[in-house]
Amino acid sequence: MVEDTAEAAIDTGELPTLTRRRFVGAVGAVTSAAGLVAIGDPADATEPTATDARTVSLNVNGTRRTVELDSRTSLLDMLREELQLTGTRKGCDQGACGACTVLLDGRRINACLTLAMMHDGAELTTIEGLADGAALHPLQQAFIDTDAFQCGYCTSGQIMSGVGCIREGHTGSGDEIREWMSGNICRCGAYPNVVAAIEQAAKGA
């Protein structure tokens, strides 16, 4: 026993050499005595708390959508998993790539960086809501005309950010467009064509 060893050491005036085995044994004895080691039926364990579900209602692409969500759900996950609007892509999920860009009350944001619950009552536009029936949005058409995409994974975020860029008036030059589109990454490197597409759509606007 650890206690017996310690008492013997005190009686003789000698302290036992601290070894790894003795240290682990002492820690085990202390935690067992304190009841910190859980031994028993797993069924006795405390059940996890229930999900904190809330209701959120947004105007998504012109249609009122009401869903019940875990309060920790990101706007991106709500769009993809609850509303099945998978055109908004999940790239880095850290706000660094821009693939999840949407328009919230007319302003572009990264949907992965905000909680859905924070925007109850807001107006949200995703890539699915840009076209007018069969007629593509001018920037969507410009992306086709200028061949502004390759693999296409970032394209929806590029287009949504480009729409915001045009609305904000940041299209005075190619350099200005590049600066205000710098939050959207294209790993295929189609940047010159993206700029060309935005310039084409901006002239029409």
C-alpha atoms as a PDB file:
ATOM      1  CA  MET A   1       0.000   0.000   0.000  1.00  0.00           C
ATOM      2  CA  VAL A   2       1.142   3.574  -0.693  1.00  0.00           C
ATOM      3  CA  GLU A   3       0.302   4.618   2.891  1.00  0.00           C
ATOM      4  CA  ASP A   4       2.403   1.812   4.393  1.00  0.00           C
ATOM      5  CA  THR A   5       5.377   2.756   2.239  1.00  0.00           C
ATOM      6  CA  ALA A   6       5.073   6.402   3.243  1.00  0.00           C
ATOM      7  CA  GLU A   7       4.816   5.529   6.980  1.00  0.00           C
ATOM      8  CA  ALA A   8       7.862   3.272   6.750  1.00  0.00           C
ATOM      9  CA  ALA A   9       9.820   6.048   5.107  1.00  0.00           C
ATOM     10  CA  ILE A  10       8.903   8.486   7.870  1.00  0.00           C
ATOM     11  CA  ASP A  11       9.935   5.979  10.605  1.00  0.00           C
ATOM     12  CA  THR A  12      13.352   5.398   9.030  1.00  0.00           C
ATOM     13  CA  GLY A  13      13.886   8.998   8.018  1.00  0.00           C
ATOM     14  CA  GLU A  14      14.316   7.951   4.382  1.00  0.00           C
ATOM     15  CA  LEU A  15      12.103   8.984   1.489  1.00  0.00           C
ATOM     16  CA  PRO A  16      11.403   6.368  -1.180  1.00  0.00           C
ATOM     17  CA  THR A  17      12.726   7.048  -4.660  1.00  0.00           C
ATOM     18  CA  LEU A  18       9.953   8.444  -6.841  1.00  0.00           C
ATOM     19  CA  THR A  19       9.558   6.153  -9.794  1.00  0.00           C
ATOM     20  CA  ARG A  20       7.058   6.225 -12.604  1.00  0.00           C
ATOM     21  CA  ARG A  21       5.370   3.088 -11.242  1.00  0.00           C
ATOM     22  CA  ARG A  22       5.007   4.551  -7.746  1.00  0.00           C
ATOM     23  CA  PHE A  23       3.682   7.843  -9.117  1.00  0.00           C
ATOM     24  CA  VAL A  24       1.024   6.125 -11.243  1.00  0.00           C
ATOM     25  CA  GLY A  25       0.088   3.879  -8.331  1.00  0.00           C
ATOM     26  CA  ALA A  26      -0.294   6.820  -5.977  1.00  0.00           C
ATOM     27  CA  VAL A  27      -2.441   8.750  -8.423  1.00  0.00           C
ATOM     28  CA  GLY A  28      -4.628   5.687  -8.953  1.00  0.00           C
ATOM     29  CA  ALA A  29      -5.096   5.230  -5.217  1.00  0.00           C
ATOM     30  CA  VAL A  30      -6.049   8.866  -4.670  1.00  0.00           C
ATOM     31  CA  THR A  31      -8.520   9.060  -7.556  1.00  0.00           C
ATOM     32  CA  SER A  32     -10.137   5.763  -6.578  1.00  0.00           C
ATOM     33  CA  ALA A  33     -10.555   6.935  -3.002  1.00  0.00           C
ATOM     34  CA  ALA A  34     -12.087  10.194  -4.173  1.00  0.00           C
ATOM     35  CA  GLY A  35     -14.560   8.362  -6.380  1.00  0.00           C
ATOM     36  CA  LEU A  36     -13.223   9.996  -9.541  1.00  0.00           C
ATOM     37  CA  VAL A  37     -12.869   6.727 -11.421  1.00  0.00           C
ATOM     38  CA  ALA A  38     -16.248   5.842 -12.932  1.00  0.00           C
ATOM     39  CA  ILE A  39     -16.947   2.141 -12.513  1.00  0.00           C
ATOM     40  CA  GLY A  40     -20.377   0.667 -13.021  1.00  0.00           C
ATOM     41  CA  ASP A  41     -23.251   0.292 -15.415  1.00  0.00           C
ATOM     42  CA  PRO A  42     -22.964   2.690 -18.418  1.00  0.00           C
ATOM     43  CA  ALA A  43     -26.745   3.064 -18.187  1.00  0.00           C
ATOM     44  CA  ASP A  44     -26.216   5.013 -14.968  1.00  0.00           C
ATOM     45  CA  ALA A  45     -24.316   7.736 -16.816  1.00  0.00           C
ATOM     46  CA  THR A  46     -25.939  11.141 -17.107  1.00  0.00           C
ATOM     47  CA  GLU A  47     -27.865  11.588 -20.333  1.00  0.00           C
ATOM     48  CA  PRO A  48     -26.685  14.451 -22.592  1.00  0.00           C
ATOM     49  CA  THR A  49     -28.828  17.560 -22.504  1.00  0.00           C
ATOM     50  CA  ALA A  50     -31.500  17.981 -25.162  1.00  0.00           C
ATOM     51  CA  THR A  51     -30.752  20.015 -28.264  1.00  0.00           C
ATOM     52  CA  ASP A  52     -31.537  23.707 -27.891  1.00  0.00           C
ATOM     53  CA  ALA A  53     -33.987  23.912 -30.794  1.00  0.00           C
ATOM     54  CA  ARG A  54     -35.300  27.259 -32.014  1.00  0.00           C
ATOM     55  CA  THR A  55     -37.517  28.388 -34.877  1.00  0.00           C
ATOM     56  CA  VAL A  56     -36.185  30.789 -37.493  1.00  0.00           C
ATOM     57  CA  SER A  57     -38.066  32.334 -40.394  1.00  0.00           C
ATOM     58  CA  LEU A  58     -36.345  33.941 -43.376  1.00  0.00           C
ATOM     59  CA  ASN A  59     -37.327  35.137 -46.823  1.00  0.00           C
ATOM     60  CA  VAL A  60     -35.148  32.893 -48.984  1.00  0.00           C
ATOM     61  CA  ASN A  61     -35.098  33.703 -52.699  1.00  0.00           C
ATOM     62  CA  GLY A  62     -38.491  35.390 -52.412  1.00  0.00           C
ATOM     63  CA  THR A  63     -40.169  32.616 -50.415  1.00  0.00           C
ATOM     64  CA  ARG A  64     -40.793  32.633 -46.680  1.00  0.00           C
ATOM     65  CA  ARG A  65     -39.105  29.589 -45.138  1.00  0.00           C
ATOM     66  CA  THR A  66     -39.548  28.604 -41.502  1.00  0.00           C
ATOM     67  CA  VAL A  67     -37.418  25.866 -39.959  1.00  0.00           C
ATOM     68  CA  GLU A  68     -36.658  24.496 -36.512  1.00  0.00           C
ATOM     69  CA  LEU A  69     -32.938  24.397 -35.836  1.00  0.00           C
ATOM     70  CA  ASP A  70     -30.341  23.762 -33.219  1.00  0.00           C
ATOM     71  CA  SER A  71     -29.409  27.284 -32.141  1.00  0.00           C
ATOM     72  CA  ARG A  72     -25.771  26.544 -33.064  1.00  0.00           C
ATOM     73  CA  THR A  73     -26.570  25.830 -36.742  1.00  0.00           C
ATOM     74  CA  SER A  74     -24.691  28.014 -39.198  1.00  0.00           C
ATOM     75  CA  LEU A  75     -26.525  29.785 -41.983  1.00  0.00           C
ATOM     76  CA  LEU A  76     -24.612  27.610 -44.446  1.00  0.00           C
ATOM     77  CA  ASP A  77     -25.702  24.345 -42.834  1.00  0.00           C
ATOM     78  CA  MET A  78     -29.290  25.557 -42.684  1.00  0.00           C
ATOM     79  CA  LEU A  79     -29.265  26.260 -46.425  1.00  0.00           C
ATOM     80  CA  ARG A  80     -27.641  22.990 -47.416  1.00  0.00           C
ATOM     81  CA  GLU A  81     -29.086  20.531 -44.908  1.00  0.00           C
ATOM     82  CA  GLU A  82     -32.481  21.956 -44.013  1.00  0.00           C
ATOM     83  CA  LEU A  83     -33.545  23.790 -47.185  1.00  0.00           C
ATOM     84  CA  GLN A  84     -31.625  21.584 -49.654  1.00  0.00           C
ATOM     85  CA  LEU A  85     -30.166  24.655 -51.388  1.00  0.00           C
ATOM     86  CA  THR A  86     -26.823  23.036 -52.136  1.00  0.00           C
ATOM     87  CA  GLY A  87     -25.706  25.622 -54.702  1.00  0.00           C
ATOM     88  CA  THR A  88     -24.105  27.439 -51.771  1.00  0.00           C
ATOM     89  CA  ARG A  89     -20.907  25.448 -51.340  1.00  0.00           C
ATOM     90  CA  LYS A  90     -19.080  24.421 -48.198  1.00  0.00           C
ATOM     91  CA  GLY A  91     -15.397  24.974 -48.860  1.00  0.00           C
ATOM     92  CA  CYS A  92     -13.114  25.769 -45.939  1.00  0.00           C
ATOM     93  CA  ASP A  93     -15.958  26.319 -43.418  1.00  0.00           C
ATOM     94  CA  GLN A  94     -13.740  29.023 -41.866  1.00  0.00           C
ATOM     95  CA  GLY A  95     -14.574  32.107 -43.921  1.00  0.00           C
ATOM     96  CA  ALA A  96     -11.349  31.985 -45.917  1.00  0.00           C
ATOM     97  CA  CYS A  97     -12.433  30.790 -49.377  1.00  0.00           C
ATOM     98  CA  GLY A  98     -15.726  32.579 -50.170  1.00  0.00           C
ATOM     99  CA  ALA A  99     -17.416  29.504 -51.671  1.00  0.00           C
ATOM    100  CA  CYS A 100     -20.406  30.000 -49.345  1.00  0.00           C
ATOM    101  CA  THR A 101     -21.050  33.656 -50.225  1.00  0.00           C
ATOM    102  CA  VAL A 102     -24.719  34.683 -50.191  1.00  0.00           C
ATOM    103  CA  LEU A 103     -26.559  38.002 -50.096  1.00  0.00           C
ATOM    104  CA  LEU A 104     -28.150  38.813 -46.746  1.00  0.00           C
ATOM    105  CA  ASP A 105     -30.416  41.863 -46.891  1.00  0.00           C
ATOM    106  CA  GLY A 106     -28.577  42.786 -50.080  1.00  0.00           C
ATOM    107  CA  ARG A 107     -25.062  42.520 -48.642  1.00  0.00           C
ATOM    108  CA  ARG A 108     -22.635  39.680 -49.312  1.00  0.00           C
ATOM    109  CA  ILE A 109     -21.570  37.540 -46.381  1.00  0.00           C
ATOM    110  CA  ASN A 110     -19.865  34.203 -45.762  1.00  0.00           C
ATOM    111  CA  ALA A 111     -22.689  31.899 -44.698  1.00  0.00           C
ATOM    112  CA  CYS A 112     -20.328  29.634 -42.767  1.00  0.00           C
ATOM    113  CA  LEU A 113     -19.388  32.391 -40.325  1.00  0.00           C
ATOM    114  CA  THR A 114     -22.818  33.340 -39.028  1.00  0.00           C
ATOM    115  CA  LEU A 115     -25.567  31.526 -37.159  1.00  0.00           C
ATOM    116  CA  ALA A 116     -28.955  31.137 -38.808  1.00  0.00           C
ATOM    117  CA  MET A 117     -30.680  32.219 -35.585  1.00  0.00           C
ATOM    118  CA  MET A 118     -29.093  35.664 -35.817  1.00  0.00           C
ATOM    119  CA  HIS A 119     -31.033  36.511 -38.980  1.00  0.00           C
ATOM    120  CA  ASP A 120     -34.650  35.776 -38.200  1.00  0.00           C
ATOM    121  CA  GLY A 121     -36.819  37.822 -40.583  1.00  0.00           C
ATOM    122  CA  ALA A 122     -33.965  38.665 -42.960  1.00  0.00           C
ATOM    123  CA  GLU A 123     -34.003  38.460 -46.759  1.00  0.00           C
ATOM    124  CA  LEU A 124     -31.564  35.947 -48.171  1.00  0.00           C
ATOM    125  CA  THR A 125     -30.531  35.402 -51.780  1.00  0.00           C
ATOM    126  CA  THR A 126     -28.564  32.353 -52.880  1.00  0.00           C
ATOM    127  CA  ILE A 127     -27.300  31.318 -56.298  1.00  0.00           C
ATOM    128  CA  GLU A 128     -30.597  29.492 -56.858  1.00  0.00           C
ATOM    129  CA  GLY A 129     -32.474  32.781 -56.586  1.00  0.00           C
ATOM    130  CA  LEU A 130     -30.513  34.901 -59.076  1.00  0.00           C
ATOM    131  CA  ALA A 131     -32.101  33.805 -62.344  1.00  0.00           C
ATOM    132  CA  ASP A 132     -35.468  35.175 -63.427  1.00  0.00           C
ATOM    133  CA  GLY A 133     -37.187  31.985 -64.497  1.00  0.00           C
ATOM    134  CA  ALA A 134     -35.313  30.670 -67.523  1.00  0.00           C
ATOM    135  CA  ALA A 135     -33.418  33.959 -67.950  1.00  0.00           C
ATOM    136  CA  LEU A 136     -30.014  33.906 -66.293  1.00  0.00           C
ATOM    137  CA  HIS A 137     -28.775  36.807 -64.209  1.00  0.00           C
ATOM    138  CA  PRO A 138     -26.441  39.030 -66.314  1.00  0.00           C
ATOM    139  CA  LEU A 139     -23.440  37.924 -64.245  1.00  0.00           C
ATOM    140  CA  GLN A 140     -24.314  34.259 -64.650  1.00  0.00           C
ATOM    141  CA  GLN A 141     -24.451  34.791 -68.406  1.00  0.00           C
ATOM    142  CA  ALA A 142     -21.197  36.738 -68.316  1.00  0.00           C
ATOM    143  CA  PHE A 143     -19.469  33.843 -66.545  1.00  0.00           C
ATOM    144  CA  ILE A 144     -20.513  31.612 -69.436  1.00  0.00           C
ATOM    145  CA  ASP A 145     -19.506  34.159 -72.084  1.00  0.00           C
ATOM    146  CA  THR A 146     -16.028  34.724 -70.631  1.00  0.00           C
ATOM    147  CA  ASP A 147     -15.422  31.103 -69.555  1.00  0.00           C
ATOM    148  CA  ALA A 148     -14.902  32.304 -65.992  1.00  0.00           C
ATOM    149  CA  PHE A 149     -14.903  28.889 -64.334  1.00  0.00           C
ATOM    150  CA  GLN A 150     -13.163  25.549 -64.594  1.00  0.00           C
ATOM    151  CA  CYS A 151     -14.043  22.945 -61.958  1.00  0.00           C
ATOM    152  CA  GLY A 152     -16.986  25.113 -60.892  1.00  0.00           C
ATOM    153  CA  TYR A 153     -16.791  24.501 -57.148  1.00  0.00           C
ATOM    154  CA  CYS A 154     -16.180  28.148 -56.273  1.00  0.00           C
ATOM    155  CA  THR A 155     -18.389  29.542 -59.038  1.00  0.00           C
ATOM    156  CA  SER A 156     -21.581  30.110 -57.045  1.00  0.00           C
ATOM    157  CA  GLY A 157     -19.649  32.022 -54.387  1.00  0.00           C
ATOM    158  CA  GLN A 158     -17.769  33.990 -57.046  1.00  0.00           C
ATOM    159  CA  ILE A 159     -21.022  34.982 -58.761  1.00  0.00           C
ATOM    160  CA  MET A 160     -22.775  35.971 -55.526  1.00  0.00           C
ATOM    161  CA  SER A 161     -19.772  38.015 -54.439  1.00  0.00           C
ATOM    162  CA  GLY A 162     -19.569  39.539 -57.924  1.00  0.00           C
ATOM    163  CA  VAL A 163     -23.221  40.621 -57.728  1.00  0.00           C
ATOM    164  CA  GLY A 164     -22.461  42.278 -54.408  1.00  0.00           C
ATOM    165  CA  CYS A 165     -19.346  43.891 -55.846  1.00  0.00           C
ATOM    166  CA  ILE A 166     -21.373  45.422 -58.706  1.00  0.00           C
ATOM    167  CA  ARG A 167     -24.109  46.661 -56.371  1.00  0.00           C
ATOM    168  CA  GLU A 168     -21.505  48.246 -54.121  1.00  0.00           C
ATOM    169  CA  GLY A 169     -20.008  50.111 -57.066  1.00  0.00           C
ATOM    170  CA  HIS A 170     -16.545  48.563 -56.820  1.00  0.00           C
ATOM    171  CA  THR A 171     -16.091  47.990 -60.545  1.00  0.00           C
ATOM    172  CA  GLY A 172     -14.220  51.115 -61.640  1.00  0.00           C
ATOM    173  CA  SER A 173     -11.230  49.118 -62.867  1.00  0.00           C
ATOM    174  CA  GLY A 174      -9.845  45.618 -63.058  1.00  0.00           C
ATOM    175  CA  ASP A 175      -7.625  46.324 -60.056  1.00  0.00           C
ATOM    176  CA  GLU A 176     -10.576  47.544 -58.017  1.00  0.00           C
ATOM    177  CA  ILE A 177     -12.557  44.415 -58.877  1.00  0.00           C
ATOM    178  CA  ARG A 178      -9.633  42.200 -57.916  1.00  0.00           C
ATOM    179  CA  GLU A 179      -9.310  44.026 -54.598  1.00  0.00           C
ATOM    180  CA  TRP A 180     -13.006  43.697 -53.715  1.00  0.00           C
ATOM    181  CA  MET A 181     -13.174  40.087 -54.903  1.00  0.00           C
ATOM    182  CA  SER A 182     -10.040  39.040 -53.028  1.00  0.00           C
ATOM    183  CA  GLY A 183     -12.075  37.103 -50.444  1.00  0.00           C
ATOM    184  CA  ASN A 184     -13.114  34.553 -53.073  1.00  0.00           C
ATOM    185  CA  ILE A 185     -10.530  31.937 -53.946  1.00  0.00           C
ATOM    186  CA  CYS A 186     -10.407  30.024 -57.236  1.00  0.00           C
ATOM    187  CA  ARG A 187      -7.937  27.170 -56.972  1.00  0.00           C
ATOM    188  CA  CYS A 188      -8.145  26.650 -60.728  1.00  0.00           C
ATOM    189  CA  GLY A 189      -6.822  30.183 -61.243  1.00  0.00           C
ATOM    190  CA  ALA A 190      -9.618  31.591 -63.407  1.00  0.00           C
ATOM    191  CA  TYR A 191      -9.213  35.070 -61.914  1.00  0.00           C
ATOM    192  CA  PRO A 192      -8.669  37.033 -65.177  1.00  0.00           C
ATOM    193  CA  ASN A 193     -11.888  35.610 -66.623  1.00  0.00           C
ATOM    194  CA  VAL A 194     -13.790  36.271 -63.389  1.00  0.00           C
ATOM    195  CA  VAL A 195     -12.741  39.922 -63.594  1.00  0.00           C
ATOM    196  CA  ALA A 196     -13.763  40.033 -67.247  1.00  0.00           C
ATOM    197  CA  ALA A 197     -17.187  38.601 -66.405  1.00  0.00           C
ATOM    198  CA  ILE A 198     -17.781  41.180 -63.676  1.00  0.00           C
ATOM    199  CA  GLU A 199     -16.692  43.988 -65.998  1.00  0.00           C
ATOM    200  CA  GLN A 200     -19.112  42.755 -68.663  1.00  0.00           C
ATOM    201  CA  ALA A 201     -22.044  42.509 -66.236  1.00  0.00           C
ATOM    202  CA  ALA A 202     -21.201  45.872 -64.647  1.00  0.00           C
ATOM    203  CA  LYS A 203     -21.409  47.612 -68.022  1.00  0.00           C
ATOM    204  CA  GLY A 204     -24.871  46.177 -68.564  1.00  0.00           C
ATOM    205  CA  ALA A 205     -25.948  47.276 -65.096  1.00  0.00           C
END
